[in-house]
N, C-alpha and C. Protein backbone atom coordinates (compact mmCIF):
# COMPACT_ATOMS: atom_id res chain seq x y z
N MET A 1 48.65 149.94 180.30
CA MET A 1 48.98 151.35 180.10
C MET A 1 50.47 151.62 180.08
N GLN A 2 50.86 152.26 179.30
CA GLN A 2 52.40 152.80 179.09
C GLN A 2 52.64 154.05 179.78
N VAL A 3 53.89 154.19 180.70
CA VAL A 3 54.13 155.34 181.23
C VAL A 3 55.45 155.62 181.05
N ARG A 4 55.81 156.81 180.68
CA ARG A 4 57.10 157.30 180.16
C ARG A 4 57.37 158.65 181.16
N VAL A 5 58.61 158.80 181.45
CA VAL A 5 59.27 160.06 182.07
C VAL A 5 60.26 160.60 181.13
N GLY A 6 60.32 162.00 181.20
CA GLY A 6 61.27 162.89 180.47
C GLY A 6 61.77 163.85 181.35
N LEU A 7 62.97 164.23 181.18
CA LEU A 7 63.77 165.16 181.86
C LEU A 7 64.16 166.37 181.03
N GLY A 8 63.74 167.49 181.50
CA GLY A 8 64.01 168.84 180.72
C GLY A 8 64.97 169.58 181.53
N VAL A 9 65.80 170.18 180.81
CA VAL A 9 66.75 171.25 181.47
C VAL A 9 66.90 172.29 180.60
N ASP A 10 66.93 173.56 181.10
CA ASP A 10 67.25 174.78 180.33
C ASP A 10 67.82 175.71 181.31
N LEU A 11 68.77 176.62 180.72
CA LEU A 11 69.51 177.80 181.39
C LEU A 11 69.68 178.81 180.45
N HIS A 12 69.65 180.02 181.00
CA HIS A 12 69.87 181.23 180.37
C HIS A 12 70.64 182.20 181.01
N PRO A 13 71.68 182.93 180.57
CA PRO A 13 72.12 184.08 181.28
C PRO A 13 71.23 185.15 181.41
N TRP A 14 71.70 186.13 182.31
CA TRP A 14 71.00 187.36 182.46
C TRP A 14 71.15 188.20 181.12
N SER A 15 70.41 188.93 180.81
CA SER A 15 70.41 189.86 179.66
C SER A 15 71.26 191.23 180.09
N ASP A 16 71.77 191.77 179.19
CA ASP A 16 72.45 193.08 179.38
C ASP A 16 71.40 194.22 179.08
N ASP A 17 70.20 193.87 178.47
CA ASP A 17 69.28 194.77 177.75
C ASP A 17 68.42 195.22 179.22
N PRO A 18 68.44 196.41 179.50
CA PRO A 18 67.68 196.79 180.83
C PRO A 18 66.20 196.89 180.34
N ALA A 19 65.60 196.84 179.07
CA ALA A 19 64.43 196.86 178.78
C ALA A 19 63.90 195.52 178.54
N ARG A 20 64.54 194.42 178.57
CA ARG A 20 64.10 193.10 178.56
C ARG A 20 63.48 192.61 179.84
N PRO A 21 62.24 192.07 179.77
CA PRO A 21 61.63 191.74 180.98
C PRO A 21 61.93 190.44 181.41
N LEU A 22 61.86 190.15 182.52
CA LEU A 22 62.05 188.71 183.14
C LEU A 22 60.69 187.96 183.12
N ARG A 23 60.67 186.84 182.40
CA ARG A 23 59.46 186.04 182.36
C ARG A 23 59.95 184.73 182.76
N LEU A 24 59.18 184.06 183.75
CA LEU A 24 59.36 182.72 184.16
C LEU A 24 58.10 182.07 184.51
N GLY A 25 57.83 180.98 184.03
CA GLY A 25 56.60 180.17 184.21
C GLY A 25 55.42 180.88 183.56
N GLY A 26 55.55 181.93 182.76
CA GLY A 26 54.46 182.58 182.14
C GLY A 26 54.25 183.71 182.93
N VAL A 27 54.81 184.13 184.01
CA VAL A 27 54.76 185.39 184.81
C VAL A 27 55.94 186.30 184.46
N THR A 28 55.50 187.63 184.31
CA THR A 28 56.35 188.62 184.11
C THR A 28 56.70 189.30 185.38
N PHE A 29 58.05 189.45 185.62
CA PHE A 29 58.44 189.99 186.90
C PHE A 29 58.71 191.52 186.57
N PRO A 30 58.22 192.55 187.52
CA PRO A 30 58.29 193.73 187.13
C PRO A 30 59.86 194.44 187.29
N ASP A 31 60.53 193.78 188.23
CA ASP A 31 61.91 194.36 188.56
C ASP A 31 62.99 193.51 188.11
N GLY A 32 64.15 194.07 187.88
CA GLY A 32 65.30 193.38 187.50
C GLY A 32 65.60 192.97 186.16
N PRO A 33 66.64 192.40 185.60
CA PRO A 33 66.89 192.11 184.30
C PRO A 33 66.19 190.90 183.82
N GLY A 34 65.99 190.70 182.67
CA GLY A 34 65.44 189.75 181.95
C GLY A 34 66.47 188.76 181.63
N LEU A 35 66.19 187.58 181.03
CA LEU A 35 67.10 186.54 180.68
C LEU A 35 67.45 186.70 179.03
N ALA A 36 68.54 186.44 178.77
CA ALA A 36 68.85 186.50 177.34
C ALA A 36 68.45 185.22 176.57
N GLY A 37 67.85 185.28 175.33
CA GLY A 37 67.54 184.20 174.78
C GLY A 37 66.76 184.68 173.46
N HIS A 38 66.50 183.65 172.47
CA HIS A 38 66.07 183.67 171.27
C HIS A 38 64.45 184.15 171.19
N SER A 39 63.73 183.37 172.31
CA SER A 39 62.29 183.58 172.42
C SER A 39 62.37 184.69 173.78
N ASP A 40 61.37 184.39 174.38
CA ASP A 40 61.31 185.35 175.61
C ASP A 40 62.10 184.80 176.74
N ALA A 41 62.89 183.54 176.50
CA ALA A 41 63.93 183.12 177.40
C ALA A 41 63.17 182.69 178.95
N ASP A 42 62.03 182.20 178.58
CA ASP A 42 61.23 181.59 179.95
C ASP A 42 61.85 180.25 180.17
N ALA A 43 62.86 180.17 181.00
CA ALA A 43 63.68 178.84 181.19
C ALA A 43 62.67 177.87 181.87
N VAL A 44 61.72 178.29 182.65
CA VAL A 44 60.74 177.41 183.34
C VAL A 44 59.75 176.70 182.31
N ALA A 45 59.25 177.47 181.39
CA ALA A 45 58.40 177.09 180.24
C ALA A 45 59.27 176.08 179.43
N HIS A 46 60.52 176.57 179.11
CA HIS A 46 61.30 175.82 178.17
C HIS A 46 61.53 174.22 178.82
N ALA A 47 62.05 174.22 180.11
CA ALA A 47 62.26 173.05 180.62
C ALA A 47 60.97 172.18 180.62
N CYS A 48 59.85 172.67 181.03
CA CYS A 48 58.69 171.86 180.82
C CYS A 48 58.46 171.28 179.56
N THR A 49 58.69 172.22 178.51
CA THR A 49 58.41 171.84 177.06
C THR A 49 59.42 170.61 176.80
N ASP A 50 60.66 170.85 177.21
CA ASP A 50 61.70 169.88 176.85
C ASP A 50 61.32 168.49 177.51
N ALA A 51 60.81 168.62 178.73
CA ALA A 51 60.46 167.15 179.43
C ALA A 51 59.35 166.46 178.77
N LEU A 52 58.31 167.32 178.45
CA LEU A 52 57.24 166.58 177.68
C LEU A 52 57.70 166.09 176.56
N LEU A 53 58.35 166.78 175.65
CA LEU A 53 58.79 166.10 174.36
C LEU A 53 59.59 164.83 174.46
N LYS A 54 60.49 165.01 175.50
CA LYS A 54 61.41 163.88 175.64
C LYS A 54 60.58 162.54 176.17
N ALA A 55 59.73 162.90 177.16
CA ALA A 55 58.94 161.90 177.73
C ALA A 55 58.12 160.97 176.64
N ALA A 56 57.65 161.97 175.54
CA ALA A 56 56.83 161.25 174.52
C ALA A 56 57.85 160.67 173.46
N GLY A 57 59.17 160.85 173.67
CA GLY A 57 59.91 160.21 172.57
C GLY A 57 60.01 161.17 171.38
N LEU A 58 59.76 162.37 171.41
CA LEU A 58 59.72 163.40 170.23
C LEU A 58 61.04 164.13 170.13
N GLY A 59 62.02 163.79 170.81
CA GLY A 59 63.26 164.58 170.56
C GLY A 59 63.19 165.86 171.89
N ASP A 60 63.76 167.07 171.46
CA ASP A 60 63.83 167.92 172.48
C ASP A 60 63.33 169.30 172.08
N ILE A 61 63.42 170.30 172.75
CA ILE A 61 62.78 171.57 172.41
C ILE A 61 63.61 172.13 171.28
N GLY A 62 64.92 171.97 171.36
CA GLY A 62 65.78 172.54 170.08
C GLY A 62 65.32 171.93 168.75
N GLN A 63 64.84 170.84 168.61
CA GLN A 63 64.47 170.14 167.35
C GLN A 63 63.16 170.79 166.94
N HIS A 64 62.20 171.07 167.92
CA HIS A 64 61.04 171.59 167.49
C HIS A 64 60.93 173.07 167.37
N PHE A 65 61.71 173.78 168.01
CA PHE A 65 61.62 175.34 168.32
C PHE A 65 63.28 175.81 168.13
N PRO A 66 63.84 175.53 167.11
CA PRO A 66 65.40 175.86 167.11
C PRO A 66 65.44 177.46 167.23
N ASP A 67 66.75 177.71 167.90
CA ASP A 67 66.87 179.06 168.05
C ASP A 67 67.70 179.70 166.95
N THR A 68 67.71 178.94 165.83
CA THR A 68 68.15 179.40 164.64
C THR A 68 67.20 179.78 163.65
N ASP A 69 66.00 179.44 163.99
CA ASP A 69 64.74 179.91 163.24
C ASP A 69 64.15 181.04 163.47
N PRO A 70 64.03 182.09 162.71
CA PRO A 70 63.30 183.51 162.95
C PRO A 70 62.15 183.33 163.50
N THR A 71 61.38 182.21 163.08
CA THR A 71 59.97 182.10 163.33
C THR A 71 59.85 182.30 164.88
N TRP A 72 60.87 181.67 165.62
CA TRP A 72 60.67 181.59 167.23
C TRP A 72 61.26 182.87 167.85
N GLU A 73 61.83 183.90 167.19
CA GLU A 73 62.31 184.91 167.73
C GLU A 73 61.33 185.82 168.61
N GLY A 74 61.61 185.89 169.91
CA GLY A 74 60.61 186.68 170.67
C GLY A 74 59.51 185.87 171.20
N ALA A 75 59.29 184.69 170.77
CA ALA A 75 58.26 183.83 170.93
C ALA A 75 57.73 183.72 172.40
N ASP A 76 56.33 183.61 172.72
CA ASP A 76 55.85 183.40 173.80
C ASP A 76 56.12 181.61 174.28
N SER A 77 56.91 181.67 175.25
CA SER A 77 57.41 180.16 175.59
C SER A 77 56.20 179.49 176.28
N VAL A 78 55.17 180.11 176.76
CA VAL A 78 54.03 179.43 177.15
C VAL A 78 53.35 178.84 175.93
N ALA A 79 53.09 179.76 174.94
CA ALA A 79 52.68 179.19 173.73
C ALA A 79 53.18 178.05 173.07
N LEU A 80 54.54 178.02 173.16
CA LEU A 80 55.52 176.95 172.60
C LEU A 80 55.20 175.63 173.55
N LEU A 81 55.00 175.82 174.75
CA LEU A 81 54.65 174.60 175.77
C LEU A 81 53.33 174.07 175.41
N ALA A 82 52.39 174.90 174.93
CA ALA A 82 51.00 174.43 174.59
C ALA A 82 51.00 173.86 173.28
N GLU A 83 51.94 174.30 172.45
CA GLU A 83 52.00 173.64 171.09
C GLU A 83 52.77 172.26 171.15
N ALA A 84 53.84 172.30 172.03
CA ALA A 84 54.51 171.01 172.37
C ALA A 84 53.56 170.02 172.92
N THR A 85 52.67 170.44 173.80
CA THR A 85 51.63 169.37 174.48
C THR A 85 50.71 168.90 173.36
N ARG A 86 50.32 169.66 172.45
CA ARG A 86 49.58 169.41 171.22
C ARG A 86 50.25 168.26 170.42
N ARG A 87 51.55 168.52 170.25
CA ARG A 87 52.24 167.45 169.33
C ARG A 87 52.30 166.16 170.20
N VAL A 88 52.59 166.33 171.63
CA VAL A 88 52.60 165.03 172.42
C VAL A 88 51.28 164.30 172.35
N ARG A 89 50.19 164.99 172.34
CA ARG A 89 48.90 164.51 172.44
C ARG A 89 48.66 163.77 170.89
N ALA A 90 48.98 164.49 169.77
CA ALA A 90 48.98 164.03 168.56
C ALA A 90 49.73 162.55 168.29
N GLU A 91 50.75 162.24 169.18
CA GLU A 91 51.39 160.89 168.99
C GLU A 91 50.75 160.04 169.96
N GLY A 92 49.58 160.35 170.57
CA GLY A 92 48.92 159.39 171.42
C GLY A 92 49.19 159.36 172.99
N TRP A 93 50.05 160.21 173.24
CA TRP A 93 50.37 160.47 174.73
C TRP A 93 49.55 161.50 175.48
N GLU A 94 49.36 161.16 176.65
CA GLU A 94 48.66 162.21 177.48
C GLU A 94 49.49 162.69 178.71
N PRO A 95 49.73 163.84 178.88
CA PRO A 95 50.41 164.41 180.07
C PRO A 95 49.77 164.01 181.26
N GLY A 96 50.56 163.35 182.21
CA GLY A 96 50.11 163.25 183.58
C GLY A 96 50.42 164.34 184.50
N ASN A 97 51.63 164.73 184.69
CA ASN A 97 51.97 165.88 185.46
C ASN A 97 53.41 166.31 184.96
N VAL A 98 53.81 167.52 185.40
CA VAL A 98 55.21 168.06 185.14
C VAL A 98 55.45 168.68 186.52
N ASP A 99 56.89 168.62 186.85
CA ASP A 99 57.41 169.34 188.06
C ASP A 99 58.48 169.98 187.76
N CYS A 100 58.70 171.06 188.11
CA CYS A 100 59.83 172.02 187.71
C CYS A 100 60.59 172.65 188.95
N SER A 101 61.75 172.53 188.96
CA SER A 101 62.52 173.17 190.01
C SER A 101 63.38 174.26 189.38
N VAL A 102 63.46 175.50 189.92
CA VAL A 102 64.11 176.60 189.30
C VAL A 102 65.34 176.95 190.41
N VAL A 103 66.55 177.02 189.77
CA VAL A 103 67.66 177.39 190.68
C VAL A 103 68.06 178.87 190.33
N LEU A 104 67.85 179.71 191.21
CA LEU A 104 68.29 181.16 191.32
C LEU A 104 68.08 181.75 192.68
N ASP A 105 68.62 182.92 193.00
CA ASP A 105 68.67 183.67 194.25
C ASP A 105 67.55 184.69 194.10
N ALA A 106 67.43 185.32 193.16
CA ALA A 106 66.35 186.28 192.94
C ALA A 106 65.94 186.40 191.60
N PRO A 107 64.61 186.86 191.29
CA PRO A 107 63.69 187.18 192.33
C PRO A 107 63.20 185.90 192.94
N ARG A 108 62.19 186.02 194.19
CA ARG A 108 61.99 184.97 195.07
C ARG A 108 60.56 184.51 194.22
N LEU A 109 60.46 183.12 194.10
CA LEU A 109 59.28 182.66 193.30
C LEU A 109 57.93 182.47 194.12
N ALA A 110 58.30 182.44 195.62
CA ALA A 110 57.23 182.04 196.46
C ALA A 110 55.86 182.93 196.20
N PRO A 111 56.00 184.36 195.92
CA PRO A 111 54.81 184.96 195.86
C PRO A 111 54.03 184.83 194.57
N VAL A 112 54.64 184.28 193.56
CA VAL A 112 53.96 183.90 192.34
C VAL A 112 53.91 182.45 191.93
N ARG A 113 54.47 181.66 192.75
CA ARG A 113 54.56 180.09 192.33
C ARG A 113 53.21 179.49 191.97
N ASP A 114 52.23 180.01 192.77
CA ASP A 114 50.94 179.58 192.37
C ASP A 114 50.24 179.87 190.90
N ARG A 115 50.65 181.10 190.71
CA ARG A 115 50.19 181.70 189.31
C ARG A 115 50.91 181.14 188.41
N MET A 116 52.22 180.82 188.57
CA MET A 116 53.08 180.20 187.61
C MET A 116 52.50 178.71 187.10
N ALA A 117 52.17 178.02 188.32
CA ALA A 117 51.58 176.61 188.33
C ALA A 117 50.22 176.76 187.35
N GLU A 118 49.52 177.67 187.61
CA GLU A 118 48.21 177.90 186.99
C GLU A 118 48.39 178.11 185.53
N VAL A 119 49.47 179.12 185.16
CA VAL A 119 49.59 179.39 183.78
C VAL A 119 50.07 178.17 182.90
N LEU A 120 51.15 177.48 183.55
CA LEU A 120 51.63 176.30 182.89
C LEU A 120 50.67 175.12 182.97
N SER A 121 49.83 174.87 183.98
CA SER A 121 49.02 173.85 183.96
C SER A 121 47.89 174.02 182.89
N ASP A 122 47.45 175.27 182.71
CA ASP A 122 46.52 175.52 181.66
C ASP A 122 47.12 175.27 180.29
N ALA A 123 48.32 175.53 180.04
CA ALA A 123 49.13 175.42 178.74
C ALA A 123 49.12 173.75 178.60
N VAL A 124 49.34 172.96 179.61
CA VAL A 124 49.59 171.56 179.45
C VAL A 124 48.15 170.66 179.55
N GLY A 125 47.27 171.21 180.24
CA GLY A 125 46.16 170.61 180.58
C GLY A 125 46.26 169.55 181.55
N ALA A 126 47.19 169.68 182.48
CA ALA A 126 47.58 168.52 183.32
C ALA A 126 48.38 169.45 184.43
N PRO A 127 48.41 168.86 185.53
CA PRO A 127 48.93 169.60 186.87
C PRO A 127 50.68 169.91 186.51
N VAL A 128 50.94 171.13 186.64
CA VAL A 128 52.31 171.55 186.70
C VAL A 128 52.80 172.11 188.06
N THR A 129 53.76 171.67 188.66
CA THR A 129 54.17 172.38 189.79
C THR A 129 55.59 172.94 189.72
N VAL A 130 55.78 174.08 190.50
CA VAL A 130 57.01 174.90 190.31
C VAL A 130 57.55 175.18 191.92
N SER A 131 58.86 174.98 191.88
CA SER A 131 59.50 175.34 192.98
C SER A 131 60.78 176.01 192.75
N GLY A 132 61.30 176.89 193.78
CA GLY A 132 62.63 177.50 193.69
C GLY A 132 63.62 176.89 194.69
N ARG A 133 64.69 176.94 194.21
CA ARG A 133 65.94 176.52 194.86
C ARG A 133 67.04 177.64 194.81
N ARG A 134 67.60 177.73 195.88
CA ARG A 134 68.69 178.83 196.25
C ARG A 134 70.04 178.41 195.85
N THR A 135 71.03 179.20 195.26
CA THR A 135 72.18 178.60 194.77
C THR A 135 73.24 178.36 196.00
N GLU A 136 73.00 179.02 197.21
CA GLU A 136 73.97 178.95 198.10
C GLU A 136 75.32 179.44 197.69
N GLY A 137 75.41 180.34 196.72
CA GLY A 137 76.58 181.03 196.29
C GLY A 137 77.42 179.84 195.43
N ILE A 138 77.10 178.90 195.03
CA ILE A 138 77.88 177.88 194.29
C ILE A 138 77.93 178.01 192.77
N GLY A 139 79.16 178.13 192.21
CA GLY A 139 79.30 178.13 190.71
C GLY A 139 78.83 179.34 190.20
N ALA A 140 78.42 179.23 188.71
CA ALA A 140 78.09 180.36 187.97
C ALA A 140 76.80 180.86 188.33
N LEU A 141 75.91 180.01 188.77
CA LEU A 141 74.59 180.53 189.27
C LEU A 141 74.76 181.19 190.62
N GLY A 142 75.57 180.87 191.50
CA GLY A 142 75.83 181.40 192.65
C GLY A 142 76.47 182.96 192.42
N ARG A 143 77.04 183.05 191.23
CA ARG A 143 77.88 184.28 191.08
C ARG A 143 76.77 185.12 190.33
N GLY A 144 75.52 184.67 190.20
CA GLY A 144 74.50 185.63 189.55
C GLY A 144 74.63 185.57 188.14
N GLU A 145 75.12 184.50 187.44
CA GLU A 145 75.46 184.48 185.85
C GLU A 145 74.16 184.20 185.03
N GLY A 146 73.19 183.66 185.74
CA GLY A 146 72.11 183.05 185.08
C GLY A 146 71.06 182.37 186.02
N VAL A 147 70.17 181.66 185.21
CA VAL A 147 69.23 180.81 185.84
C VAL A 147 68.94 179.40 185.07
N VAL A 148 68.82 178.49 185.92
CA VAL A 148 68.59 177.02 185.37
C VAL A 148 67.18 176.61 185.85
N ALA A 149 66.60 175.72 185.10
CA ALA A 149 65.34 175.27 185.33
C ALA A 149 65.32 173.60 184.89
N LEU A 150 65.00 172.78 185.93
CA LEU A 150 65.00 171.42 185.52
C LEU A 150 63.60 170.83 185.79
N ALA A 151 62.86 170.10 184.80
CA ALA A 151 61.58 169.71 184.79
C ALA A 151 61.62 168.05 184.52
N VAL A 152 60.68 167.52 185.19
CA VAL A 152 60.35 166.23 185.06
C VAL A 152 58.82 165.89 184.57
N ALA A 153 58.58 165.30 183.48
CA ALA A 153 57.29 165.07 182.98
C ALA A 153 57.01 163.62 182.91
N VAL A 154 55.62 163.35 183.14
CA VAL A 154 55.18 161.95 183.00
C VAL A 154 54.14 162.01 182.05
N VAL A 155 54.15 161.07 180.96
CA VAL A 155 53.12 161.08 180.00
C VAL A 155 52.66 159.41 180.06
N THR A 156 51.35 159.29 179.64
CA THR A 156 50.90 157.85 179.64
C THR A 156 50.10 157.69 178.37
N ARG A 157 49.95 156.40 177.98
CA ARG A 157 49.21 155.96 176.84
C ARG A 157 48.59 154.62 177.25
N PRO A 158 47.30 154.56 176.85
CA PRO A 158 46.51 153.36 177.16
C PRO A 158 47.11 152.04 176.60
């Protein structure tokens, strides 16, 4: 059996648009600003997508869903994750699991972490876990300039 690992990273600044919703891990948060981006800017789903594609040797999220392509404007990032997973499987790889850490001070992820994991796991067809990390006031993230998500994915092939 072949086993491969991929690392995905995604970051987005906060949006200036007060009407833009915050979506992380496929969950929409009712309060606060959203993230700026071409799609729905779901950094968690993007990092998971990036990790799976890289693990399978298929490049990165920008190669498959470029932010210069109007097709992906406003796209549902969980749907992009499901499509990336389909492409990974089409190349003979099977997702084993994905783990994602999100770095931000607010909102708190604990109340919706299980729901995020459920939504993402359904899209991947394998376990996805999500955890939050506080910035402790360090750097651009500590100044509240945005959100970063880092994900690791394992894929296998018989």
